[in-house]
């Protein structure tokens, strides 16, 4: 994706980079902010309660995200022993990231539609493309991180809901096998045309269509020169 943009339109490639950095930064910052609100200052003490992208950047995760659409930022640490309710406060800290992605996508969509409705700029303006990247990227980040597999954010909610002793084997399977299954799925997605993450892509595009009032798949293809 990035290489396609880089050779076809360097300004769009730059917009894609900025959109990724912005989205990851706000996502991780939201984890740290929620942790502070719940009583844990670990993230703040380690310099992670900041909107500086460099504090959250993990090159090993950023480069594949940039090139292939799969990657990660540096996880924000928190100490559950500092929380009043470790079980559910941990859930709130985890889902704060995906919630921030939804907020960014919604605000970006409002700006996207407003600029087009008033006719301030046309649909192929760089700002419009940047807003589109923010919308689609944050929807994908939100849905992907809600997968209930360790170490994704959704795993904290899964473990909280299935914390009874009778679910011990299920929790063990998700904790141990979950990352392996996730990595296998990512590899399959990258090396084949199988839409193995259809449960993410289809809802993401559907919500994007509703938010923007246009076909996001078509608009994306136009931006990438596929049509």
C-alpha atoms as a PDB file:
ATOM      1  CA  UNK A   1       0.000   0.000   0.000  1.00  0.00           C
ATOM      2  CA  UNK A   2       2.636   2.535   1.025  1.00  0.00           C
ATOM      3  CA  UNK A   3       4.973   1.677  -1.848  1.00  0.00           C
ATOM      4  CA  UNK A   4       2.114   2.087  -4.298  1.00  0.00           C
ATOM      5  CA  UNK A   5       1.454   5.551  -2.934  1.00  0.00           C
ATOM      6  CA  UNK A   6       5.138   6.430  -2.741  1.00  0.00           C
ATOM      7  CA  UNK A   7       5.695   5.861  -6.460  1.00  0.00           C
ATOM      8  CA  UNK A   8       2.348   7.176  -7.667  1.00  0.00           C
ATOM      9  CA  UNK A   9       1.951  10.172  -5.348  1.00  0.00           C
ATOM     10  CA  UNK A  10       4.583  11.083  -2.711  1.00  0.00           C
ATOM     11  CA  UNK A  11       2.248  13.655  -1.063  1.00  0.00           C
ATOM     12  CA  UNK A  12      -0.346  10.915  -0.515  1.00  0.00           C
ATOM     13  CA  UNK A  13       2.386   8.652   0.883  1.00  0.00           C
ATOM     14  CA  UNK A  14       3.303  11.386   3.366  1.00  0.00           C
ATOM     15  CA  UNK A  15      -0.364  11.789   4.300  1.00  0.00           C
ATOM     16  CA  UNK A  16      -0.535   8.017   4.913  1.00  0.00           C
ATOM     17  CA  UNK A  17       2.502   8.152   7.220  1.00  0.00           C
ATOM     18  CA  UNK A  18       1.077  11.076   9.192  1.00  0.00           C
ATOM     19  CA  UNK A  19      -2.288   9.319   9.476  1.00  0.00           C
ATOM     20  CA  UNK A  20      -0.643   6.165  10.856  1.00  0.00           C
ATOM     21  CA  UNK A  21       1.534   8.042  13.341  1.00  0.00           C
ATOM     22  CA  UNK A  22      -1.377  10.182  14.514  1.00  0.00           C
ATOM     23  CA  UNK A  23      -3.703   7.217  14.961  1.00  0.00           C
ATOM     24  CA  UNK A  24      -1.173   5.050  16.808  1.00  0.00           C
ATOM     25  CA  UNK A  25      -0.094   7.940  19.034  1.00  0.00           C
ATOM     26  CA  UNK A  26      -3.623   8.859  20.121  1.00  0.00           C
ATOM     27  CA  UNK A  27      -4.461   5.165  20.601  1.00  0.00           C
ATOM     28  CA  UNK A  28      -1.523   4.597  22.962  1.00  0.00           C
ATOM     29  CA  UNK A  29      -1.947   7.977  24.668  1.00  0.00           C
ATOM     30  CA  UNK A  30      -5.550   7.021  25.440  1.00  0.00           C
ATOM     31  CA  UNK A  31      -4.383   3.871  27.215  1.00  0.00           C
ATOM     32  CA  UNK A  32      -2.054   5.959  29.380  1.00  0.00           C
ATOM     33  CA  UNK A  33      -4.658   8.633  30.071  1.00  0.00           C
ATOM     34  CA  UNK A  34      -7.257   6.089  31.148  1.00  0.00           C
ATOM     35  CA  UNK A  35      -4.680   4.395  33.381  1.00  0.00           C
ATOM     36  CA  UNK A  36      -3.987   7.741  35.070  1.00  0.00           C
ATOM     37  CA  UNK A  37      -7.709   8.383  35.522  1.00  0.00           C
ATOM     38  CA  UNK A  38      -7.999   4.955  37.140  1.00  0.00           C
ATOM     39  CA  UNK A  39      -5.154   5.683  39.560  1.00  0.00           C
ATOM     40  CA  UNK A  40      -2.036   4.266  37.887  1.00  0.00           C
ATOM     41  CA  UNK A  41       0.780   6.666  36.964  1.00  0.00           C
ATOM     42  CA  UNK A  42       3.117   4.109  35.376  1.00  0.00           C
ATOM     43  CA  UNK A  43       2.638   5.414  31.836  1.00  0.00           C
ATOM     44  CA  UNK A  44       3.137   9.019  32.918  1.00  0.00           C
ATOM     45  CA  UNK A  45       6.307   8.200  34.842  1.00  0.00           C
ATOM     46  CA  UNK A  46       7.733   6.390  31.823  1.00  0.00           C
ATOM     47  CA  UNK A  47       7.029   9.310  29.510  1.00  0.00           C
ATOM     48  CA  UNK A  48       4.197   7.588  27.653  1.00  0.00           C
ATOM     49  CA  UNK A  49       1.414  10.014  28.590  1.00  0.00           C
ATOM     50  CA  UNK A  50       2.305  12.212  25.650  1.00  0.00           C
ATOM     51  CA  UNK A  51       1.191  12.967  22.103  1.00  0.00           C
ATOM     52  CA  UNK A  52       4.773  12.826  20.878  1.00  0.00           C
ATOM     53  CA  UNK A  53       4.784  10.004  18.264  1.00  0.00           C
ATOM     54  CA  UNK A  54       8.415   9.145  19.023  1.00  0.00           C
ATOM     55  CA  UNK A  55       7.464   8.038  22.536  1.00  0.00           C
ATOM     56  CA  UNK A  56       5.134   5.376  21.133  1.00  0.00           C
ATOM     57  CA  UNK A  57       6.992   4.393  17.984  1.00  0.00           C
ATOM     58  CA  UNK A  58       8.232   0.828  17.621  1.00  0.00           C
ATOM     59  CA  UNK A  59      10.072   0.543  14.312  1.00  0.00           C
ATOM     60  CA  UNK A  60       9.716  -3.246  14.249  1.00  0.00           C
ATOM     61  CA  UNK A  61       5.942  -2.810  14.359  1.00  0.00           C
ATOM     62  CA  UNK A  62       5.692   0.457  12.423  1.00  0.00           C
ATOM     63  CA  UNK A  63       7.513  -0.631   9.258  1.00  0.00           C
ATOM     64  CA  UNK A  64       5.282  -3.668   8.500  1.00  0.00           C
ATOM     65  CA  UNK A  65       2.220  -1.555   9.322  1.00  0.00           C
ATOM     66  CA  UNK A  66       3.434   1.039   6.856  1.00  0.00           C
ATOM     67  CA  UNK A  67       4.227  -1.488   4.125  1.00  0.00           C
ATOM     68  CA  UNK A  68       1.668  -4.250   4.625  1.00  0.00           C
ATOM     69  CA  UNK A  69      -1.086  -2.871   6.842  1.00  0.00           C
ATOM     70  CA  UNK A  70      -0.245  -5.036   9.878  1.00  0.00           C
ATOM     71  CA  UNK A  71       1.865  -3.814  12.777  1.00  0.00           C
ATOM     72  CA  UNK A  72       1.851  -2.258  16.203  1.00  0.00           C
ATOM     73  CA  UNK A  73       3.064   0.576  18.392  1.00  0.00           C
ATOM     74  CA  UNK A  74       4.990   0.293  21.651  1.00  0.00           C
ATOM     75  CA  UNK A  75       2.504  -0.971  24.282  1.00  0.00           C
ATOM     76  CA  UNK A  76       1.737   1.439  27.113  1.00  0.00           C
ATOM     77  CA  UNK A  77       2.537  -0.198  30.483  1.00  0.00           C
ATOM     78  CA  UNK A  78       0.266  -0.091  33.509  1.00  0.00           C
ATOM     79  CA  UNK A  79       0.372  -1.673  36.949  1.00  0.00           C
ATOM     80  CA  UNK A  80      -2.936  -3.374  37.861  1.00  0.00           C
ATOM     81  CA  UNK A  81      -1.963  -3.289  41.557  1.00  0.00           C
ATOM     82  CA  UNK A  82      -2.405   0.498  41.489  1.00  0.00           C
ATOM     83  CA  UNK A  83      -6.002   0.207  40.321  1.00  0.00           C
ATOM     84  CA  UNK A  84      -9.027   0.270  42.608  1.00  0.00           C
ATOM     85  CA  UNK A  85     -10.711  -2.478  40.609  1.00  0.00           C
ATOM     86  CA  UNK A  86      -7.904  -4.316  38.766  1.00  0.00           C
ATOM     87  CA  UNK A  87     -10.278  -6.551  36.820  1.00  0.00           C
ATOM     88  CA  UNK A  88     -12.548  -3.948  35.224  1.00  0.00           C
ATOM     89  CA  UNK A  89     -10.194  -0.967  35.388  1.00  0.00           C
ATOM     90  CA  UNK A  90      -7.800  -3.015  33.253  1.00  0.00           C
ATOM     91  CA  UNK A  91     -10.612  -3.496  30.761  1.00  0.00           C
ATOM     92  CA  UNK A  92     -11.294   0.243  30.631  1.00  0.00           C
ATOM     93  CA  UNK A  93      -7.607   0.964  30.075  1.00  0.00           C
ATOM     94  CA  UNK A  94      -7.515  -1.553  27.222  1.00  0.00           C
ATOM     95  CA  UNK A  95     -10.671  -0.444  25.424  1.00  0.00           C
ATOM     96  CA  UNK A  96      -9.685   3.225  25.721  1.00  0.00           C
ATOM     97  CA  UNK A  97      -7.467   2.719  22.661  1.00  0.00           C
ATOM     98  CA  UNK A  98     -10.199   1.365  20.341  1.00  0.00           C
ATOM     99  CA  UNK A  99     -12.637   3.970  21.665  1.00  0.00           C
ATOM    100  CA  UNK A 100     -10.164   6.706  20.711  1.00  0.00           C
ATOM    101  CA  UNK A 101      -9.964   5.215  17.210  1.00  0.00           C
ATOM    102  CA  UNK A 102     -13.744   5.411  16.859  1.00  0.00           C
ATOM    103  CA  UNK A 103     -13.716   9.035  18.020  1.00  0.00           C
ATOM    104  CA  UNK A 104     -10.972   9.963  15.540  1.00  0.00           C
ATOM    105  CA  UNK A 105     -12.813   8.224  12.687  1.00  0.00           C
ATOM    106  CA  UNK A 106     -16.062   9.993  13.549  1.00  0.00           C
ATOM    107  CA  UNK A 107     -14.507  13.464  13.847  1.00  0.00           C
ATOM    108  CA  UNK A 108     -12.566  12.937  10.628  1.00  0.00           C
ATOM    109  CA  UNK A 109     -15.741  11.830   8.852  1.00  0.00           C
ATOM    110  CA  UNK A 110     -17.601  14.938  10.014  1.00  0.00           C
ATOM    111  CA  UNK A 111     -14.791  17.109   8.632  1.00  0.00           C
ATOM    112  CA  UNK A 112     -14.659  15.003   5.446  1.00  0.00           C
ATOM    113  CA  UNK A 113     -18.366  15.402   4.700  1.00  0.00           C
ATOM    114  CA  UNK A 114     -18.509  19.049   5.771  1.00  0.00           C
ATOM    115  CA  UNK A 115     -15.681  20.103   3.457  1.00  0.00           C
ATOM    116  CA  UNK A 116     -17.260  18.305   0.511  1.00  0.00           C
ATOM    117  CA  UNK A 117     -20.791  19.548   1.206  1.00  0.00           C
ATOM    118  CA  UNK A 118     -19.803  23.204   1.398  1.00  0.00           C
ATOM    119  CA  UNK A 119     -17.664  22.760  -1.702  1.00  0.00           C
ATOM    120  CA  UNK A 120     -14.583  24.191  -0.026  1.00  0.00           C
ATOM    121  CA  UNK A 121     -12.350  21.633  -1.725  1.00  0.00           C
ATOM    122  CA  UNK A 122     -12.859  18.776  -4.166  1.00  0.00           C
ATOM    123  CA  UNK A 123     -12.828  15.073  -3.334  1.00  0.00           C
ATOM    124  CA  UNK A 124      -9.260  14.584  -4.581  1.00  0.00           C
ATOM    125  CA  UNK A 125      -7.761  17.322  -2.418  1.00  0.00           C
ATOM    126  CA  UNK A 126      -4.842  16.149  -0.240  1.00  0.00           C
ATOM    127  CA  UNK A 127      -6.679  17.152   2.954  1.00  0.00           C
ATOM    128  CA  UNK A 128      -9.701  15.071   1.944  1.00  0.00           C
ATOM    129  CA  UNK A 129      -7.430  12.100   1.230  1.00  0.00           C
ATOM    130  CA  UNK A 130      -5.748  12.519   4.620  1.00  0.00           C
ATOM    131  CA  UNK A 131      -9.122  12.598   6.385  1.00  0.00           C
ATOM    132  CA  UNK A 132     -10.150   9.485   4.465  1.00  0.00           C
ATOM    133  CA  UNK A 133      -6.990   7.698   5.578  1.00  0.00           C
ATOM    134  CA  UNK A 134      -7.762   8.647   9.182  1.00  0.00           C
ATOM    135  CA  UNK A 135     -11.315   7.323   8.907  1.00  0.00           C
ATOM    136  CA  UNK A 136     -10.496   3.971   7.341  1.00  0.00           C
ATOM    137  CA  UNK A 137      -7.274   3.380   9.278  1.00  0.00           C
ATOM    138  CA  UNK A 138      -8.893   4.071  12.650  1.00  0.00           C
ATOM    139  CA  UNK A 139     -11.854   1.830  11.895  1.00  0.00           C
ATOM    140  CA  UNK A 140      -9.465  -1.002  11.046  1.00  0.00           C
ATOM    141  CA  UNK A 141      -7.356  -0.332  14.150  1.00  0.00           C
ATOM    142  CA  UNK A 142     -10.436  -0.284  16.355  1.00  0.00           C
ATOM    143  CA  UNK A 143     -11.888  -3.538  15.058  1.00  0.00           C
ATOM    144  CA  UNK A 144      -8.541  -5.339  14.888  1.00  0.00           C
ATOM    145  CA  UNK A 145      -7.653  -4.432  18.466  1.00  0.00           C
ATOM    146  CA  UNK A 146     -11.025  -5.667  19.709  1.00  0.00           C
ATOM    147  CA  UNK A 147     -10.189  -9.227  18.656  1.00  0.00           C
ATOM    148  CA  UNK A 148     -10.287 -11.175  21.947  1.00  0.00           C
ATOM    149  CA  UNK A 149      -6.811 -12.645  21.529  1.00  0.00           C
ATOM    150  CA  UNK A 150      -3.771 -11.840  23.631  1.00  0.00           C
ATOM    151  CA  UNK A 151      -2.019  -9.375  23.376  1.00  0.00           C
ATOM    152  CA  UNK A 152      -4.737  -7.317  21.641  1.00  0.00           C
ATOM    153  CA  UNK A 153      -6.931  -4.960  23.652  1.00  0.00           C
ATOM    154  CA  UNK A 154      -9.981  -7.178  23.332  1.00  0.00           C
ATOM    155  CA  UNK A 155      -8.245  -9.919  25.301  1.00  0.00           C
ATOM    156  CA  UNK A 156      -8.619  -7.964  28.559  1.00  0.00           C
ATOM    157  CA  UNK A 157     -12.392  -7.884  28.122  1.00  0.00           C
ATOM    158  CA  UNK A 158     -12.392 -11.566  27.207  1.00  0.00           C
ATOM    159  CA  UNK A 159     -10.425 -12.538  30.322  1.00  0.00           C
ATOM    160  CA  UNK A 160     -12.672 -10.378  32.511  1.00  0.00           C
ATOM    161  CA  UNK A 161     -15.844 -11.959  31.157  1.00  0.00           C
ATOM    162  CA  UNK A 162     -14.485 -15.510  31.348  1.00  0.00           C
ATOM    163  CA  UNK A 163     -12.661 -15.354  34.666  1.00  0.00           C
ATOM    164  CA  UNK A 164     -14.599 -18.189  36.323  1.00  0.00           C
ATOM    165  CA  UNK A 165     -12.585 -21.328  37.192  1.00  0.00           C
ATOM    166  CA  UNK A 166     -14.578 -23.402  34.677  1.00  0.00           C
ATOM    167  CA  UNK A 167     -13.090 -21.300  31.873  1.00  0.00           C
ATOM    168  CA  UNK A 168      -9.473 -21.851  32.944  1.00  0.00           C
ATOM    169  CA  UNK A 169      -8.623 -24.058  29.948  1.00  0.00           C
ATOM    170  CA  UNK A 170     -10.236 -21.608  27.535  1.00  0.00           C
ATOM    171  CA  UNK A 171      -8.242 -18.706  29.012  1.00  0.00           C
ATOM    172  CA  UNK A 172      -5.060 -20.756  28.782  1.00  0.00           C
ATOM    173  CA  UNK A 173      -5.743 -21.582  25.137  1.00  0.00           C
ATOM    174  CA  UNK A 174      -6.372 -17.924  24.237  1.00  0.00           C
ATOM    175  CA  UNK A 175      -3.285 -16.773  26.122  1.00  0.00           C
ATOM    176  CA  UNK A 176      -0.920 -19.382  24.662  1.00  0.00           C
ATOM    177  CA  UNK A 177      -2.362 -20.281  21.270  1.00  0.00           C
ATOM    178  CA  UNK A 178      -4.028 -16.972  20.530  1.00  0.00           C
ATOM    179  CA  UNK A 179      -0.870 -15.119  19.417  1.00  0.00           C
ATOM    180  CA  UNK A 180       0.154 -18.097  17.261  1.00  0.00           C
ATOM    181  CA  UNK A 181      -3.239 -18.225  15.552  1.00  0.00           C
ATOM    182  CA  UNK A 182      -3.173 -14.466  15.029  1.00  0.00           C
ATOM    183  CA  UNK A 183       0.303 -14.549  13.479  1.00  0.00           C
ATOM    184  CA  UNK A 184      -0.693 -17.442  11.209  1.00  0.00           C
ATOM    185  CA  UNK A 185      -3.770 -15.508  10.070  1.00  0.00           C
ATOM    186  CA  UNK A 186      -1.657 -12.423   9.339  1.00  0.00           C
ATOM    187  CA  UNK A 187       0.807 -14.478   7.266  1.00  0.00           C
ATOM    188  CA  UNK A 188      -2.035 -16.093   5.298  1.00  0.00           C
ATOM    189  CA  UNK A 189      -3.528 -12.654   4.658  1.00  0.00           C
ATOM    190  CA  UNK A 190      -0.220 -11.238   3.420  1.00  0.00           C
ATOM    191  CA  UNK A 191       0.770 -14.172   1.200  1.00  0.00           C
ATOM    192  CA  UNK A 192      -2.604 -14.981  -0.348  1.00  0.00           C
ATOM    193  CA  UNK A 193      -5.718 -13.262  -1.632  1.00  0.00           C
ATOM    194  CA  UNK A 194      -7.802 -14.819   1.119  1.00  0.00           C
ATOM    195  CA  UNK A 195      -9.676 -12.173   3.091  1.00  0.00           C
ATOM    196  CA  UNK A 196      -9.146 -14.008   6.349  1.00  0.00           C
ATOM    197  CA  UNK A 197      -9.923 -10.861   8.317  1.00  0.00           C
ATOM    198  CA  UNK A 198     -13.267 -10.353   6.547  1.00  0.00           C
ATOM    199  CA  UNK A 199     -14.891  -9.873   9.964  1.00  0.00           C
ATOM    200  CA  UNK A 200     -12.799  -6.693  10.235  1.00  0.00           C
ATOM    201  CA  UNK A 201     -12.615  -5.414   6.662  1.00  0.00           C
ATOM    202  CA  UNK A 202     -16.298  -5.763   5.818  1.00  0.00           C
ATOM    203  CA  UNK A 203     -17.608  -3.938   8.916  1.00  0.00           C
ATOM    204  CA  UNK A 204     -14.844  -1.327   8.561  1.00  0.00           C
ATOM    205  CA  UNK A 205     -15.801  -0.498   4.983  1.00  0.00           C
ATOM    206  CA  UNK A 206     -19.512  -0.613   5.827  1.00  0.00           C
ATOM    207  CA  UNK A 207     -19.113   1.869   8.685  1.00  0.00           C
ATOM    208  CA  UNK A 208     -16.802   3.990   6.533  1.00  0.00           C
ATOM    209  CA  UNK A 209     -19.489   4.139   3.838  1.00  0.00           C
ATOM    210  CA  UNK A 210     -22.035   5.336   6.393  1.00  0.00           C
ATOM    211  CA  UNK A 211     -19.697   7.912   7.933  1.00  0.00           C
ATOM    212  CA  UNK A 212     -18.498   9.384   4.643  1.00  0.00           C
ATOM    213  CA  UNK A 213     -21.647   8.968   2.551  1.00  0.00           C
ATOM    214  CA  UNK A 214     -19.614   7.419  -0.250  1.00  0.00           C
ATOM    215  CA  UNK A 215     -18.164   4.047  -1.251  1.00  0.00           C
ATOM    216  CA  UNK A 216     -14.897   3.883   0.666  1.00  0.00           C
ATOM    217  CA  UNK A 217     -13.680   0.881  -1.320  1.00  0.00           C
ATOM    218  CA  UNK A 218     -14.148   2.741  -4.604  1.00  0.00           C
ATOM    219  CA  UNK A 219     -12.570   5.926  -3.268  1.00  0.00           C
ATOM    220  CA  UNK A 220      -9.595   3.955  -1.941  1.00  0.00           C
ATOM    221  CA  UNK A 221      -9.090   2.314  -5.327  1.00  0.00           C
ATOM    222  CA  UNK A 222      -9.166   5.695  -7.001  1.00  0.00           C
ATOM    223  CA  UNK A 223      -6.544   7.063  -4.614  1.00  0.00           C
ATOM    224  CA  UNK A 224      -4.319   4.064  -5.236  1.00  0.00           C
ATOM    225  CA  UNK A 225      -4.798   4.258  -8.972  1.00  0.00           C
ATOM    226  CA  UNK A 226      -6.546   0.917  -9.291  1.00  0.00           C
ATOM    227  CA  UNK A 227      -9.411   2.302 -11.343  1.00  0.00           C
END
